[in-house]
């Protein structure tokens, strides 16, 4: 019975000639990062970026979030305690992108990073968003960004999205960090 159901479903899908498209409301729920030192990672994500600890899992993992969600980021040392960062020229996570609700929020975290003299790896205007780039203590890339309203996104004459990578006007952004 199970085998015939599988073939029936496979034939149905083939007959429909459908391409699956993920639902528009789907979101990335959380990321789970391997880190070499939990306290050092918390110093970055909790103390510098301002995430709140929701739960510790012994002394090897922490679940952190914004606004009391169960977790946006999980940090663990299960396979990586006292290890080394992954080499940059290998497959893996390029960066984690953290979306701020307002442009002013991005300005405030930028000011905090500059005051802390935390090294940035880049700052870009992508037309659809403004972004600041840095690495966490384990060399995991982090993008902090704000999205412009969709009606302001750059499109060509046919309505196709035209993202760009231009230098971010940091001085203009910092005017909002009062």
N, C-alpha and C. Protein backbone atom coordinates (compact mmCIF):
# COMPACT_ATOMS: atom_id res chain seq x y z
N UNK A 1 0.82 -1.20 0.00
CA UNK A 1 0.00 0.00 0.00
C UNK A 1 0.87 1.26 0.00
N UNK A 2 1.89 1.27 0.85
CA UNK A 2 2.74 2.46 0.95
C UNK A 2 3.44 2.74 -0.37
N UNK A 3 3.96 1.70 -1.01
CA UNK A 3 4.66 1.87 -2.28
C UNK A 3 3.72 2.40 -3.36
N UNK A 4 2.51 1.89 -3.43
CA UNK A 4 1.58 2.35 -4.45
C UNK A 4 1.17 3.80 -4.20
N UNK A 5 1.07 4.23 -2.93
CA UNK A 5 0.75 5.61 -2.63
C UNK A 5 1.88 6.52 -3.10
N UNK A 6 3.13 6.10 -2.88
CA UNK A 6 4.28 6.87 -3.33
C UNK A 6 4.23 7.07 -4.84
N UNK A 7 4.00 5.98 -5.59
CA UNK A 7 3.96 6.09 -7.05
C UNK A 7 2.78 6.92 -7.52
N UNK A 8 1.66 6.81 -6.84
CA UNK A 8 0.50 7.61 -7.21
C UNK A 8 0.81 9.10 -7.02
N UNK A 9 1.44 9.43 -5.90
CA UNK A 9 1.79 10.83 -5.65
C UNK A 9 2.84 11.32 -6.65
N UNK A 10 3.83 10.47 -6.92
CA UNK A 10 4.87 10.86 -7.88
C UNK A 10 4.26 11.10 -9.26
N UNK A 11 3.36 10.23 -9.67
CA UNK A 11 2.71 10.41 -10.98
C UNK A 11 1.83 11.66 -10.98
N UNK A 12 1.14 11.90 -9.88
CA UNK A 12 0.30 13.09 -9.79
C UNK A 12 1.16 14.35 -9.95
N UNK A 13 2.27 14.41 -9.24
CA UNK A 13 3.15 15.57 -9.33
C UNK A 13 3.70 15.70 -10.75
N UNK A 14 4.13 14.59 -11.35
CA UNK A 14 4.64 14.64 -12.72
C UNK A 14 3.56 15.10 -13.69
N UNK A 15 2.33 14.63 -13.49
CA UNK A 15 1.24 15.03 -14.38
C UNK A 15 0.94 16.52 -14.23
N UNK A 16 1.08 17.02 -13.04
CA UNK A 16 0.78 18.43 -12.80
C UNK A 16 1.88 19.33 -13.34
N UNK A 17 3.09 18.76 -13.55
CA UNK A 17 4.25 19.52 -14.03
C UNK A 17 4.43 20.82 -13.22
N UNK A 18 4.35 20.65 -11.91
CA UNK A 18 4.43 21.81 -11.02
C UNK A 18 5.87 22.03 -10.56
N UNK A 19 6.17 23.27 -10.36
CA UNK A 19 7.40 23.65 -9.69
C UNK A 19 6.99 24.20 -8.34
N UNK A 20 7.55 23.65 -7.29
CA UNK A 20 7.21 24.11 -5.94
C UNK A 20 7.84 25.48 -5.70
N UNK A 21 7.05 26.38 -5.17
CA UNK A 21 7.52 27.70 -4.76
C UNK A 21 7.16 27.85 -3.29
N UNK A 22 8.15 28.17 -2.50
CA UNK A 22 7.95 28.32 -1.06
C UNK A 22 6.94 29.43 -0.79
N UNK A 23 6.07 29.29 0.21
CA UNK A 23 5.06 30.32 0.47
C UNK A 23 5.69 31.69 0.78
N UNK A 24 5.04 32.74 0.32
CA UNK A 24 5.57 34.10 0.46
C UNK A 24 5.76 34.51 1.92
N UNK A 25 4.98 33.99 2.84
CA UNK A 25 5.09 34.36 4.24
C UNK A 25 6.17 33.62 5.00
N UNK A 26 6.90 32.74 4.33
CA UNK A 26 7.95 31.97 4.99
C UNK A 26 9.08 32.90 5.43
N UNK A 27 9.61 32.65 6.62
CA UNK A 27 10.71 33.46 7.14
C UNK A 27 11.80 32.53 7.66
N UNK A 28 13.02 33.03 7.72
CA UNK A 28 14.10 32.31 8.37
C UNK A 28 13.88 32.47 9.87
N UNK A 29 13.75 31.39 10.59
CA UNK A 29 13.40 31.45 12.00
C UNK A 29 14.55 31.79 12.92
N UNK A 30 15.67 31.12 12.77
CA UNK A 30 16.82 31.39 13.63
C UNK A 30 18.07 30.80 13.00
N UNK A 31 19.20 31.19 13.55
CA UNK A 31 20.47 30.60 13.13
C UNK A 31 21.10 29.95 14.35
N UNK A 32 21.92 28.98 14.11
CA UNK A 32 22.61 28.28 15.18
C UNK A 32 24.09 28.26 14.81
N UNK A 33 24.90 28.95 15.59
CA UNK A 33 26.30 29.12 15.27
C UNK A 33 27.20 28.30 16.19
N UNK A 34 28.21 27.67 15.61
CA UNK A 34 29.26 27.05 16.39
C UNK A 34 30.25 28.14 16.75
N UNK A 35 30.58 28.23 18.03
CA UNK A 35 31.55 29.21 18.49
C UNK A 35 32.62 28.50 19.30
N UNK A 36 33.76 29.14 19.45
CA UNK A 36 34.86 28.49 20.18
C UNK A 36 34.84 28.81 21.67
N UNK A 37 34.19 29.92 22.04
CA UNK A 37 34.17 30.34 23.43
C UNK A 37 32.82 31.01 23.68
N UNK A 38 31.97 30.40 24.47
CA UNK A 38 30.61 30.89 24.66
C UNK A 38 30.59 32.28 25.29
N UNK A 39 31.38 32.50 26.33
CA UNK A 39 31.38 33.81 26.99
C UNK A 39 31.86 34.92 26.05
N UNK A 40 32.87 34.62 25.24
CA UNK A 40 33.36 35.63 24.29
C UNK A 40 32.28 35.93 23.24
N UNK A 41 31.60 34.89 22.78
CA UNK A 41 30.52 35.10 21.81
C UNK A 41 29.38 35.91 22.44
N UNK A 42 29.06 35.63 23.69
CA UNK A 42 28.01 36.41 24.37
C UNK A 42 28.45 37.86 24.57
N UNK A 43 29.75 38.07 24.78
CA UNK A 43 30.25 39.43 24.87
C UNK A 43 29.95 40.23 23.62
N UNK A 44 29.97 39.57 22.48
CA UNK A 44 29.66 40.23 21.21
C UNK A 44 28.15 40.36 21.01
N UNK A 45 27.45 39.22 20.98
CA UNK A 45 26.03 39.22 20.64
C UNK A 45 25.15 39.83 21.73
N UNK A 46 25.44 39.56 22.98
CA UNK A 46 24.64 40.09 24.08
C UNK A 46 25.10 41.50 24.48
N UNK A 47 26.37 41.62 24.82
CA UNK A 47 26.86 42.86 25.40
C UNK A 47 27.06 43.98 24.38
N UNK A 48 27.51 43.66 23.19
CA UNK A 48 27.74 44.69 22.17
C UNK A 48 26.49 44.91 21.31
N UNK A 49 25.92 43.84 20.74
CA UNK A 49 24.77 44.00 19.85
C UNK A 49 23.45 44.12 20.60
N UNK A 50 23.41 43.69 21.87
CA UNK A 50 22.22 43.91 22.67
C UNK A 50 21.19 42.79 22.68
N UNK A 51 21.50 41.61 22.14
CA UNK A 51 20.56 40.50 22.22
C UNK A 51 20.40 40.08 23.67
N UNK A 52 19.24 39.55 24.02
CA UNK A 52 18.95 39.10 25.38
C UNK A 52 19.03 37.58 25.46
N UNK A 53 19.64 37.08 26.52
CA UNK A 53 19.71 35.64 26.73
C UNK A 53 18.34 35.15 27.17
N UNK A 54 17.83 34.14 26.47
CA UNK A 54 16.56 33.53 26.83
C UNK A 54 16.77 32.27 27.67
N UNK A 55 17.84 31.56 27.35
CA UNK A 55 18.11 30.31 28.07
C UNK A 55 19.54 29.88 27.84
N UNK A 56 20.13 29.30 28.86
CA UNK A 56 21.42 28.62 28.73
C UNK A 56 21.14 27.13 28.67
N UNK A 57 21.96 26.42 27.94
CA UNK A 57 21.90 24.96 27.88
C UNK A 57 23.21 24.49 28.50
N UNK A 58 23.20 24.35 29.83
CA UNK A 58 24.43 24.06 30.53
C UNK A 58 25.42 25.19 30.33
N UNK A 59 26.69 24.82 30.22
CA UNK A 59 27.71 25.84 29.95
C UNK A 59 28.22 25.77 28.52
N UNK A 60 27.43 25.09 27.65
CA UNK A 60 27.90 24.89 26.28
C UNK A 60 27.03 25.56 25.21
N UNK A 61 25.90 26.15 25.59
CA UNK A 61 25.05 26.79 24.60
C UNK A 61 24.21 27.88 25.26
N UNK A 62 23.87 28.86 24.45
CA UNK A 62 22.97 29.93 24.88
C UNK A 62 22.03 30.26 23.74
N UNK A 63 20.80 30.59 24.09
CA UNK A 63 19.78 30.97 23.12
C UNK A 63 19.43 32.42 23.36
N UNK A 64 19.62 33.26 22.35
CA UNK A 64 19.46 34.70 22.51
C UNK A 64 18.46 35.23 21.49
N UNK A 65 17.85 36.38 21.84
CA UNK A 65 16.85 36.94 20.93
C UNK A 65 16.68 38.43 21.14
N UNK A 66 15.87 39.00 20.27
CA UNK A 66 15.39 40.36 20.40
C UNK A 66 13.91 40.29 20.75
N UNK A 67 13.50 41.02 21.77
CA UNK A 67 12.08 41.12 22.09
C UNK A 67 11.45 39.91 22.74
N UNK A 68 12.23 39.01 23.32
CA UNK A 68 11.67 37.88 24.05
C UNK A 68 11.28 36.67 23.23
N UNK A 69 11.58 36.66 21.95
CA UNK A 69 11.35 35.47 21.12
C UNK A 69 12.19 34.33 21.68
N UNK A 70 11.79 33.07 21.49
CA UNK A 70 12.54 31.97 22.12
C UNK A 70 14.00 31.96 21.73
N UNK A 71 14.32 32.20 20.47
CA UNK A 71 15.69 32.49 20.08
C UNK A 71 15.77 32.84 18.60
N UNK A 72 16.54 33.86 18.34
CA UNK A 72 16.90 34.22 16.97
C UNK A 72 18.26 33.64 16.64
N UNK A 73 19.11 33.58 17.66
CA UNK A 73 20.46 33.04 17.48
C UNK A 73 20.75 32.06 18.61
N UNK A 74 21.25 30.90 18.24
CA UNK A 74 21.75 29.94 19.23
C UNK A 74 23.26 29.89 19.05
N UNK A 75 23.96 29.87 20.16
CA UNK A 75 25.42 29.80 20.16
C UNK A 75 25.80 28.53 20.90
N UNK A 76 26.67 27.71 20.30
CA UNK A 76 27.08 26.51 21.03
C UNK A 76 28.55 26.20 20.79
N UNK A 77 29.11 25.46 21.74
CA UNK A 77 30.50 25.01 21.65
C UNK A 77 30.58 23.49 21.58
N UNK A 78 29.49 22.83 21.19
CA UNK A 78 29.41 21.37 21.20
C UNK A 78 30.53 20.70 20.40
N UNK A 79 30.86 21.23 19.25
CA UNK A 79 31.90 20.63 18.40
C UNK A 79 33.09 21.56 18.20
N UNK A 80 33.04 22.74 18.80
CA UNK A 80 34.01 23.77 18.44
C UNK A 80 34.74 24.41 19.62
N UNK A 81 34.49 23.94 20.84
CA UNK A 81 35.09 24.57 22.01
C UNK A 81 36.61 24.64 21.88
N UNK A 82 37.13 25.85 22.08
CA UNK A 82 38.56 26.12 22.00
C UNK A 82 39.18 25.80 20.64
N UNK A 83 38.32 25.71 19.62
CA UNK A 83 38.80 25.45 18.27
C UNK A 83 39.26 26.73 17.59
N UNK A 84 39.34 26.66 16.29
CA UNK A 84 39.73 27.82 15.49
C UNK A 84 38.61 28.17 14.52
N UNK A 85 38.54 29.41 14.08
CA UNK A 85 37.53 29.78 13.08
C UNK A 85 37.72 28.99 11.78
N UNK A 86 36.63 28.81 11.06
CA UNK A 86 36.70 28.14 9.76
C UNK A 86 37.53 28.99 8.81
N UNK A 87 38.32 28.35 7.95
CA UNK A 87 39.10 29.12 6.97
C UNK A 87 38.16 29.91 6.04
N UNK A 88 38.53 31.13 5.69
CA UNK A 88 37.64 31.97 4.88
C UNK A 88 37.42 31.46 3.45
N UNK A 89 38.31 30.66 2.92
CA UNK A 89 38.17 30.23 1.52
C UNK A 89 37.56 28.84 1.40
N UNK A 90 36.69 28.47 2.36
CA UNK A 90 36.01 27.18 2.29
C UNK A 90 34.50 27.42 2.35
N UNK A 91 33.75 26.39 2.04
CA UNK A 91 32.29 26.49 2.08
C UNK A 91 31.83 26.71 3.52
N UNK A 92 30.72 27.38 3.67
CA UNK A 92 30.14 27.64 4.97
C UNK A 92 29.32 28.91 4.95
N UNK A 93 28.95 29.36 6.11
CA UNK A 93 28.14 30.57 6.26
C UNK A 93 28.93 31.79 5.82
N UNK A 94 28.39 32.58 4.92
CA UNK A 94 29.05 33.82 4.50
C UNK A 94 28.82 34.89 5.56
N UNK A 95 27.55 35.12 5.89
CA UNK A 95 27.24 36.00 7.02
C UNK A 95 25.82 35.76 7.51
N UNK A 96 25.60 36.16 8.73
CA UNK A 96 24.28 36.23 9.32
C UNK A 96 23.79 37.65 9.12
N UNK A 97 22.57 37.83 8.67
CA UNK A 97 22.02 39.16 8.45
C UNK A 97 20.98 39.46 9.51
N UNK A 98 21.18 40.55 10.23
CA UNK A 98 20.27 40.96 11.30
C UNK A 98 19.56 42.23 10.83
N UNK A 99 18.25 42.12 10.67
CA UNK A 99 17.42 43.20 10.13
C UNK A 99 16.89 44.08 11.26
N UNK A 100 17.22 45.35 11.22
CA UNK A 100 16.73 46.31 12.20
C UNK A 100 15.42 46.91 11.70
N UNK A 101 14.48 47.22 12.62
CA UNK A 101 13.17 47.69 12.18
C UNK A 101 13.17 49.10 11.58
N UNK A 102 14.06 49.96 12.03
CA UNK A 102 14.09 51.34 11.56
C UNK A 102 15.52 51.76 11.24
N UNK A 103 15.65 52.73 10.35
CA UNK A 103 16.97 53.25 9.99
C UNK A 103 17.68 53.82 11.21
N UNK A 104 16.93 54.46 12.10
CA UNK A 104 17.51 55.03 13.31
C UNK A 104 18.16 53.93 14.16
N UNK A 105 17.57 52.73 14.21
CA UNK A 105 18.13 51.63 14.98
C UNK A 105 19.49 51.21 14.42
N UNK A 106 19.60 51.22 13.09
CA UNK A 106 20.89 50.91 12.46
C UNK A 106 21.91 51.98 12.80
N UNK A 107 21.48 53.23 12.81
CA UNK A 107 22.37 54.34 13.17
C UNK A 107 22.87 54.19 14.60
N UNK A 108 22.00 53.83 15.51
CA UNK A 108 22.38 53.69 16.92
C UNK A 108 23.41 52.58 17.11
N UNK A 109 23.21 51.43 16.47
CA UNK A 109 24.18 50.33 16.63
C UNK A 109 25.50 50.70 15.95
N UNK A 110 25.45 51.40 14.83
CA UNK A 110 26.69 51.85 14.19
C UNK A 110 27.46 52.76 15.13
N UNK A 111 26.79 53.70 15.75
CA UNK A 111 27.45 54.61 16.70
C UNK A 111 28.07 53.81 17.85
N UNK A 112 27.34 52.84 18.36
CA UNK A 112 27.85 52.02 19.46
C UNK A 112 29.11 51.24 19.03
N UNK A 113 29.08 50.68 17.84
CA UNK A 113 30.24 49.94 17.34
C UNK A 113 31.45 50.86 17.17
N UNK A 114 31.22 52.05 16.64
CA UNK A 114 32.31 53.00 16.45
C UNK A 114 32.89 53.46 17.79
N UNK A 115 32.01 53.72 18.75
CA UNK A 115 32.47 54.12 20.08
C UNK A 115 33.27 53.01 20.76
N UNK A 116 32.88 51.75 20.50
CA UNK A 116 33.59 50.61 21.08
C UNK A 116 34.86 50.28 20.28
N UNK A 117 35.05 51.00 19.18
CA UNK A 117 36.19 50.76 18.29
C UNK A 117 36.20 49.32 17.77
N UNK A 118 34.99 48.78 17.55
CA UNK A 118 34.87 47.42 17.02
C UNK A 118 35.13 47.48 15.52
N UNK A 119 36.01 46.64 14.99
CA UNK A 119 36.36 46.73 13.57
C UNK A 119 35.20 46.35 12.64
N UNK A 120 34.96 47.20 11.67
CA UNK A 120 33.97 46.94 10.63
C UNK A 120 34.69 46.40 9.41
N UNK A 121 34.03 45.55 8.65
CA UNK A 121 34.62 45.03 7.42
C UNK A 121 34.00 45.68 6.18
N UNK A 122 32.94 46.46 6.38
CA UNK A 122 32.33 47.14 5.25
C UNK A 122 31.08 47.89 5.65
N UNK A 123 30.61 48.74 4.74
CA UNK A 123 29.37 49.49 4.91
C UNK A 123 28.86 49.82 3.52
N UNK A 124 27.66 49.35 3.19
CA UNK A 124 27.17 49.49 1.82
C UNK A 124 25.73 49.95 1.76
N UNK A 125 25.43 50.64 0.67
CA UNK A 125 24.06 50.97 0.30
C UNK A 125 23.71 50.05 -0.85
N UNK A 126 22.70 49.20 -0.66
CA UNK A 126 22.31 48.24 -1.70
C UNK A 126 21.06 48.66 -2.46
N UNK A 127 20.66 49.92 -2.28
CA UNK A 127 19.45 50.38 -2.94
C UNK A 127 18.21 49.95 -2.19
N UNK A 128 18.11 48.68 -1.88
CA UNK A 128 16.98 48.14 -1.11
C UNK A 128 17.23 48.27 0.38
N UNK A 129 18.49 48.40 0.76
CA UNK A 129 18.86 48.41 2.17
C UNK A 129 20.17 49.16 2.37
N UNK A 130 20.44 49.47 3.63
CA UNK A 130 21.72 50.01 4.05
C UNK A 130 22.30 49.00 5.03
N UNK A 131 23.58 48.69 4.88
CA UNK A 131 24.16 47.59 5.66
C UNK A 131 25.55 47.93 6.20
N UNK A 132 25.81 47.38 7.37
CA UNK A 132 27.11 47.46 8.03
C UNK A 132 27.60 46.02 8.17
N UNK A 133 28.87 45.78 7.88
CA UNK A 133 29.42 44.43 7.94
C UNK A 133 30.55 44.36 8.97
N UNK A 134 30.61 43.26 9.68
CA UNK A 134 31.65 43.01 10.67
C UNK A 134 31.74 41.51 10.90
N UNK A 135 32.73 41.09 11.66
CA UNK A 135 32.88 39.69 12.03
C UNK A 135 32.70 39.55 13.52
N UNK A 136 32.10 38.43 13.94
CA UNK A 136 32.03 38.16 15.38
C UNK A 136 33.39 37.63 15.83
N UNK A 137 33.59 37.35 17.10
CA UNK A 137 34.91 36.91 17.57
C UNK A 137 35.42 35.61 16.93
N UNK A 138 34.50 34.80 16.36
CA UNK A 138 34.91 33.56 15.70
C UNK A 138 35.00 33.71 14.19
N UNK A 139 35.03 34.95 13.72
CA UNK A 139 35.17 35.27 12.30
C UNK A 139 33.94 34.89 11.48
N UNK A 140 32.78 34.71 12.17
CA UNK A 140 31.52 34.54 11.45
C UNK A 140 31.10 35.91 10.96
N UNK A 141 30.79 36.03 9.68
CA UNK A 141 30.36 37.30 9.14
C UNK A 141 29.00 37.70 9.69
N UNK A 142 28.84 39.00 9.96
CA UNK A 142 27.58 39.54 10.46
C UNK A 142 27.24 40.78 9.63
N UNK A 143 26.03 40.82 9.14
CA UNK A 143 25.50 42.00 8.44
C UNK A 143 24.41 42.59 9.33
N UNK A 144 24.52 43.86 9.63
CA UNK A 144 23.49 44.60 10.34
C UNK A 144 22.88 45.53 9.30
N UNK A 145 21.55 45.45 9.12
CA UNK A 145 20.97 46.23 8.03
C UNK A 145 19.55 46.70 8.32
N UNK A 146 19.10 47.62 7.50
CA UNK A 146 17.76 48.17 7.52
C UNK A 146 17.26 48.16 6.09
N UNK A 147 16.04 47.71 5.89
CA UNK A 147 15.42 47.71 4.56
C UNK A 147 14.65 49.00 4.33
N UNK A 148 14.85 49.59 3.16
CA UNK A 148 14.01 50.71 2.76
C UNK A 148 12.60 50.17 2.48
N UNK A 149 11.59 51.02 2.54
CA UNK A 149 10.25 50.56 2.15
C UNK A 149 10.28 50.02 0.71
N UNK A 150 9.54 48.98 0.48
CA UNK A 150 9.59 48.28 -0.82
C UNK A 150 9.30 49.23 -1.99
N UNK A 151 8.44 50.20 -1.79
CA UNK A 151 8.11 51.13 -2.89
C UNK A 151 9.29 52.01 -3.28
N UNK A 152 10.34 52.04 -2.47
CA UNK A 152 11.55 52.82 -2.79
C UNK A 152 12.66 51.96 -3.38
N UNK A 153 12.45 50.66 -3.48
CA UNK A 153 13.48 49.78 -4.04
C UNK A 153 13.73 50.12 -5.51
N UNK A 154 14.97 50.12 -5.94
CA UNK A 154 15.28 50.46 -7.33
C UNK A 154 14.87 49.35 -8.30
N UNK A 155 14.13 49.73 -9.33
CA UNK A 155 13.70 48.78 -10.36
C UNK A 155 13.99 49.38 -11.73
N UNK A 156 14.13 48.49 -12.72
CA UNK A 156 14.33 48.98 -14.10
C UNK A 156 12.97 49.27 -14.74
N UNK A 157 12.97 49.65 -16.01
CA UNK A 157 11.73 50.02 -16.70
C UNK A 157 10.72 48.88 -16.77
N UNK A 158 11.20 47.63 -16.64
CA UNK A 158 10.31 46.47 -16.65
C UNK A 158 9.88 46.04 -15.25
N UNK A 159 10.29 46.79 -14.24
CA UNK A 159 9.90 46.47 -12.87
C UNK A 159 10.78 45.43 -12.19
N UNK A 160 11.93 45.09 -12.82
CA UNK A 160 12.85 44.12 -12.23
C UNK A 160 13.74 44.79 -11.20
N UNK A 161 13.91 44.13 -10.07
CA UNK A 161 14.74 44.66 -9.00
C UNK A 161 16.17 44.88 -9.47
N UNK A 162 16.75 46.02 -9.11
CA UNK A 162 18.11 46.39 -9.51
C UNK A 162 18.94 46.74 -8.28
N UNK A 163 19.30 45.73 -7.50
CA UNK A 163 20.13 45.98 -6.32
C UNK A 163 21.50 46.49 -6.75
N UNK A 164 22.11 47.27 -5.87
CA UNK A 164 23.42 47.85 -6.14
C UNK A 164 24.31 47.62 -4.92
N UNK A 165 25.57 47.91 -5.07
CA UNK A 165 26.48 47.97 -3.93
C UNK A 165 27.30 49.24 -4.09
N UNK A 166 26.90 50.24 -3.32
CA UNK A 166 27.56 51.54 -3.32
C UNK A 166 28.04 51.82 -1.90
N UNK A 167 28.97 52.75 -1.73
CA UNK A 167 29.39 53.10 -0.37
C UNK A 167 28.22 53.66 0.44
N UNK A 168 28.15 53.28 1.70
CA UNK A 168 27.13 53.79 2.60
C UNK A 168 27.50 55.21 3.04
N UNK A 169 26.54 56.11 3.05
CA UNK A 169 26.75 57.46 3.55
C UNK A 169 26.68 57.39 5.08
N UNK A 170 27.79 57.05 5.68
CA UNK A 170 27.86 56.85 7.14
C UNK A 170 27.55 58.13 7.88
N UNK A 171 28.06 59.25 7.42
CA UNK A 171 27.81 60.52 8.11
C UNK A 171 26.32 60.84 8.15
N UNK A 172 25.64 60.62 7.04
CA UNK A 172 24.20 60.88 6.98
C UNK A 172 23.45 59.93 7.93
N UNK A 173 23.85 58.66 7.95
CA UNK A 173 23.21 57.68 8.82
C UNK A 173 23.41 58.07 10.30
N UNK A 174 24.63 58.43 10.65
CA UNK A 174 24.93 58.75 12.05
C UNK A 174 24.18 59.96 12.58
N UNK A 175 23.65 60.82 11.71
CA UNK A 175 22.85 61.96 12.15
C UNK A 175 21.61 61.51 12.90
N UNK A 176 21.17 60.29 12.66
CA UNK A 176 19.98 59.77 13.33
C UNK A 176 20.27 59.22 14.72
N UNK A 177 21.53 59.00 15.03
CA UNK A 177 21.93 58.38 16.30
C UNK A 177 22.10 59.44 17.38
N UNK A 178 21.00 59.94 17.87
CA UNK A 178 21.07 60.99 18.89
C UNK A 178 20.74 60.43 20.27
